[in-house]
Amino acid sequence: MDPLRAQQLAAELEVEMMADMYNRMTQACHRKCVPPFYKESELSKGECVCLDRCVAKYLEVHERMGKKLTELSLQDEELLKRMQQGSGSA
């Protein structure tokens, strides 16, 4: 696969993953913060605060997980390189 195509696929995958994260966050925070039967057409102050906090927590956890997964991926790559170097020199 050529590098340009790989970049395009990576970009498409990133957009797809962000859309999925957004949809999950929207559903989770809506379920948690907005009652199933609407009393008013606008969000109440309590609902707004709840949604703000929910979204902030969701994004923070998403960022932490991304960092941790990147860290683990780099560790796996490093381990794989060491294993390949070790088996290549034997």
N, C-alpha and C. Protein backbone atom coordinates (compact mmCIF):
# COMPACT_ATOMS: atom_id res chain seq x y z
N MET A 1 0.86 -1.18 0.00
CA MET A 1 0.00 0.00 0.00
C MET A 1 0.90 1.24 0.00
N ASP A 2 0.58 2.17 -0.86
CA ASP A 2 1.42 3.36 -0.94
C ASP A 2 1.14 4.28 0.26
N PRO A 3 2.11 5.11 0.61
CA PRO A 3 1.97 5.96 1.80
C PRO A 3 0.79 6.93 1.75
N LEU A 4 0.49 7.46 0.57
CA LEU A 4 -0.64 8.39 0.44
C LEU A 4 -1.95 7.69 0.75
N ARG A 5 -2.12 6.49 0.24
CA ARG A 5 -3.35 5.72 0.50
C ARG A 5 -3.44 5.36 1.99
N ALA A 6 -2.32 5.02 2.59
CA ALA A 6 -2.31 4.70 4.03
C ALA A 6 -2.72 5.91 4.84
N GLN A 7 -2.25 7.10 4.45
CA GLN A 7 -2.64 8.33 5.15
C GLN A 7 -4.13 8.59 5.00
N GLN A 8 -4.65 8.38 3.80
CA GLN A 8 -6.08 8.58 3.56
C GLN A 8 -6.91 7.64 4.42
N LEU A 9 -6.50 6.38 4.48
CA LEU A 9 -7.23 5.41 5.30
C LEU A 9 -7.17 5.78 6.78
N ALA A 10 -6.00 6.22 7.22
CA ALA A 10 -5.85 6.63 8.62
C ALA A 10 -6.74 7.83 8.92
N ALA A 11 -6.81 8.78 8.01
CA ALA A 11 -7.66 9.96 8.21
C ALA A 11 -9.13 9.57 8.24
N GLU A 12 -9.53 8.68 7.34
CA GLU A 12 -10.93 8.22 7.32
C GLU A 12 -11.27 7.49 8.60
N LEU A 13 -10.36 6.66 9.06
CA LEU A 13 -10.58 5.92 10.31
C LEU A 13 -10.69 6.88 11.48
N GLU A 14 -9.85 7.91 11.51
CA GLU A 14 -9.90 8.88 12.60
C GLU A 14 -11.24 9.62 12.61
N VAL A 15 -11.73 10.02 11.43
CA VAL A 15 -13.02 10.71 11.34
C VAL A 15 -14.13 9.78 11.82
N GLU A 16 -14.06 8.52 11.41
CA GLU A 16 -15.08 7.54 11.82
C GLU A 16 -15.06 7.33 13.33
N MET A 17 -13.87 7.25 13.90
CA MET A 17 -13.75 7.05 15.34
C MET A 17 -14.25 8.27 16.12
N MET A 18 -13.95 9.47 15.63
CA MET A 18 -14.42 10.68 16.29
C MET A 18 -15.94 10.79 16.22
N ALA A 19 -16.51 10.42 15.07
CA ALA A 19 -17.97 10.45 14.94
C ALA A 19 -18.61 9.45 15.90
N ASP A 20 -18.01 8.28 16.03
CA ASP A 20 -18.52 7.27 16.95
C ASP A 20 -18.44 7.76 18.39
N MET A 21 -17.29 8.37 18.75
CA MET A 21 -17.14 8.91 20.10
C MET A 21 -18.18 9.99 20.37
N TYR A 22 -18.39 10.87 19.41
CA TYR A 22 -19.36 11.94 19.57
C TYR A 22 -20.77 11.37 19.76
N ASN A 23 -21.13 10.38 18.95
CA ASN A 23 -22.46 9.77 19.07
C ASN A 23 -22.64 9.09 20.42
N ARG A 24 -21.63 8.36 20.87
CA ARG A 24 -21.72 7.69 22.18
C ARG A 24 -21.84 8.71 23.31
N MET A 25 -21.03 9.76 23.24
CA MET A 25 -21.07 10.80 24.26
C MET A 25 -22.43 11.48 24.28
N THR A 26 -22.94 11.81 23.10
CA THR A 26 -24.25 12.46 23.01
C THR A 26 -25.33 11.60 23.63
N GLN A 27 -25.35 10.32 23.29
CA GLN A 27 -26.37 9.41 23.82
C GLN A 27 -26.23 9.25 25.33
N ALA A 28 -24.99 9.05 25.80
CA ALA A 28 -24.78 8.83 27.23
C ALA A 28 -25.16 10.07 28.05
N CYS A 29 -24.72 11.23 27.60
CA CYS A 29 -25.00 12.45 28.36
C CYS A 29 -26.47 12.83 28.27
N HIS A 30 -27.09 12.57 27.14
CA HIS A 30 -28.53 12.87 27.00
C HIS A 30 -29.33 11.98 27.96
N ARG A 31 -29.00 10.68 27.99
CA ARG A 31 -29.69 9.75 28.90
C ARG A 31 -29.51 10.17 30.35
N LYS A 32 -28.30 10.62 30.69
CA LYS A 32 -27.99 10.96 32.08
C LYS A 32 -28.60 12.29 32.51
N CYS A 33 -28.66 13.27 31.62
CA CYS A 33 -28.96 14.64 32.03
C CYS A 33 -30.32 15.18 31.60
N VAL A 34 -30.92 14.58 30.61
CA VAL A 34 -32.18 15.13 30.09
C VAL A 34 -33.30 14.12 30.36
N PRO A 35 -34.34 14.53 31.09
CA PRO A 35 -35.43 13.61 31.40
C PRO A 35 -36.14 13.16 30.11
N PRO A 36 -36.70 11.95 30.13
CA PRO A 36 -37.33 11.41 28.91
C PRO A 36 -38.57 12.20 28.46
N PHE A 37 -39.22 12.87 29.38
CA PHE A 37 -40.41 13.64 29.02
C PHE A 37 -40.08 15.12 29.18
N TYR A 38 -40.06 15.83 28.07
CA TYR A 38 -39.70 17.25 28.08
C TYR A 38 -40.83 18.08 28.67
N LYS A 39 -40.47 18.99 29.57
CA LYS A 39 -41.45 19.91 30.16
C LYS A 39 -41.38 21.26 29.46
N GLU A 40 -40.18 21.61 28.98
CA GLU A 40 -39.97 22.90 28.32
C GLU A 40 -39.19 22.67 27.03
N SER A 41 -39.26 23.65 26.14
CA SER A 41 -38.54 23.51 24.87
C SER A 41 -37.05 23.78 25.02
N GLU A 42 -36.66 24.53 26.05
CA GLU A 42 -35.26 24.86 26.30
C GLU A 42 -34.73 24.01 27.45
N LEU A 43 -33.41 23.79 27.46
CA LEU A 43 -32.80 23.08 28.57
C LEU A 43 -32.83 23.94 29.82
N SER A 44 -33.05 23.29 30.96
CA SER A 44 -33.01 24.02 32.22
C SER A 44 -31.54 24.25 32.60
N LYS A 45 -31.33 25.12 33.58
CA LYS A 45 -29.97 25.39 34.05
C LYS A 45 -29.32 24.12 34.57
N GLY A 46 -30.07 23.32 35.33
CA GLY A 46 -29.54 22.07 35.86
C GLY A 46 -29.16 21.09 34.76
N GLU A 47 -29.97 21.01 33.72
CA GLU A 47 -29.66 20.13 32.59
C GLU A 47 -28.40 20.60 31.86
N CYS A 48 -28.28 21.92 31.69
CA CYS A 48 -27.09 22.49 31.03
C CYS A 48 -25.83 22.18 31.82
N VAL A 49 -25.88 22.37 33.13
CA VAL A 49 -24.72 22.09 33.98
C VAL A 49 -24.36 20.61 33.92
N CYS A 50 -25.37 19.77 34.00
CA CYS A 50 -25.15 18.33 33.92
C CYS A 50 -24.50 17.95 32.59
N LEU A 51 -25.02 18.49 31.50
CA LEU A 51 -24.46 18.19 30.18
C LEU A 51 -23.03 18.69 30.06
N ASP A 52 -22.75 19.89 30.56
CA ASP A 52 -21.38 20.43 30.52
C ASP A 52 -20.41 19.51 31.25
N ARG A 53 -20.81 19.10 32.44
CA ARG A 53 -19.94 18.22 33.23
C ARG A 53 -19.78 16.85 32.58
N CYS A 54 -20.86 16.33 32.07
CA CYS A 54 -20.82 15.01 31.42
C CYS A 54 -19.89 15.03 30.22
N VAL A 55 -20.04 16.04 29.38
CA VAL A 55 -19.19 16.14 28.18
C VAL A 55 -17.74 16.33 28.59
N ALA A 56 -17.47 17.17 29.58
CA ALA A 56 -16.09 17.39 30.03
C ALA A 56 -15.47 16.10 30.54
N LYS A 57 -16.21 15.34 31.33
CA LYS A 57 -15.70 14.07 31.85
C LYS A 57 -15.48 13.07 30.72
N TYR A 58 -16.42 13.00 29.80
CA TYR A 58 -16.32 12.06 28.70
C TYR A 58 -15.08 12.36 27.86
N LEU A 59 -14.86 13.63 27.54
CA LEU A 59 -13.70 14.02 26.74
C LEU A 59 -12.39 13.79 27.49
N GLU A 60 -12.40 14.05 28.79
CA GLU A 60 -11.19 13.83 29.59
C GLU A 60 -10.82 12.34 29.61
N VAL A 61 -11.81 11.50 29.83
CA VAL A 61 -11.55 10.06 29.84
C VAL A 61 -11.10 9.59 28.46
N HIS A 62 -11.72 10.11 27.41
CA HIS A 62 -11.34 9.75 26.05
C HIS A 62 -9.88 10.13 25.79
N GLU A 63 -9.47 11.32 26.23
CA GLU A 63 -8.10 11.77 26.05
C GLU A 63 -7.12 10.89 26.83
N ARG A 64 -7.47 10.60 28.08
CA ARG A 64 -6.59 9.74 28.89
C ARG A 64 -6.43 8.36 28.28
N MET A 65 -7.54 7.80 27.81
CA MET A 65 -7.47 6.48 27.19
C MET A 65 -6.62 6.51 25.92
N GLY A 66 -6.78 7.56 25.13
CA GLY A 66 -5.98 7.69 23.92
C GLY A 66 -4.50 7.75 24.22
N LYS A 67 -4.13 8.52 25.24
CA LYS A 67 -2.72 8.63 25.63
C LYS A 67 -2.19 7.29 26.11
N LYS A 68 -2.99 6.60 26.92
CA LYS A 68 -2.55 5.31 27.45
C LYS A 68 -2.41 4.27 26.33
N LEU A 69 -3.37 4.26 25.41
CA LEU A 69 -3.28 3.31 24.30
C LEU A 69 -2.08 3.61 23.41
N THR A 70 -1.79 4.88 23.20
CA THR A 70 -0.61 5.27 22.41
C THR A 70 0.65 4.80 23.11
N GLU A 71 0.69 5.02 24.42
CA GLU A 71 1.84 4.59 25.21
C GLU A 71 2.04 3.08 25.12
N LEU A 72 0.96 2.34 25.27
CA LEU A 72 1.05 0.88 25.19
C LEU A 72 1.46 0.42 23.79
N SER A 73 0.96 1.09 22.78
CA SER A 73 1.32 0.75 21.40
C SER A 73 2.81 0.98 21.16
N LEU A 74 3.33 2.09 21.66
CA LEU A 74 4.76 2.37 21.51
C LEU A 74 5.60 1.33 22.26
N GLN A 75 5.14 0.92 23.43
CA GLN A 75 5.85 -0.11 24.18
C GLN A 75 5.85 -1.43 23.42
N ASP A 76 4.71 -1.77 22.82
CA ASP A 76 4.62 -3.00 22.03
C ASP A 76 5.55 -2.95 20.83
N GLU A 77 5.60 -1.80 20.16
CA GLU A 77 6.49 -1.65 19.00
C GLU A 77 7.95 -1.81 19.43
N GLU A 78 8.30 -1.20 20.54
CA GLU A 78 9.67 -1.29 21.05
C GLU A 78 10.02 -2.73 21.40
N LEU A 79 9.11 -3.41 22.05
CA LEU A 79 9.34 -4.81 22.41
C LEU A 79 9.49 -5.67 21.17
N LEU A 80 8.66 -5.43 20.18
CA LEU A 80 8.73 -6.18 18.92
C LEU A 80 10.07 -5.95 18.24
N LYS A 81 10.55 -4.70 18.23
CA LYS A 81 11.84 -4.40 17.62
C LYS A 81 12.97 -5.14 18.35
N ARG A 82 12.89 -5.13 19.68
CA ARG A 82 13.92 -5.84 20.46
C ARG A 82 13.90 -7.33 20.18
N MET A 83 12.71 -7.89 20.08
CA MET A 83 12.60 -9.32 19.80
C MET A 83 13.16 -9.65 18.41
N GLN A 84 12.87 -8.79 17.44
CA GLN A 84 13.37 -9.01 16.09
C GLN A 84 14.89 -8.86 16.05
N GLN A 85 15.43 -7.90 16.78
CA GLN A 85 16.89 -7.73 16.82
C GLN A 85 17.56 -8.91 17.51
N GLY A 86 16.90 -9.40 18.56
CA GLY A 86 17.44 -10.54 19.29
C GLY A 86 17.44 -11.80 18.46
N SER A 87 16.39 -12.04 17.68
CA SER A 87 16.32 -13.25 16.86
C SER A 87 17.16 -13.10 15.60
N GLY A 88 17.40 -11.86 15.17
CA GLY A 88 18.22 -11.64 13.97
C GLY A 88 19.69 -11.84 14.23
N SER A 89 20.13 -11.60 15.46
CA SER A 89 21.56 -11.72 15.78
C SER A 89 21.92 -13.12 16.24
N ALA A 90 20.95 -13.99 16.42
CA ALA A 90 21.23 -15.34 16.92
C ALA A 90 21.66 -16.27 15.82
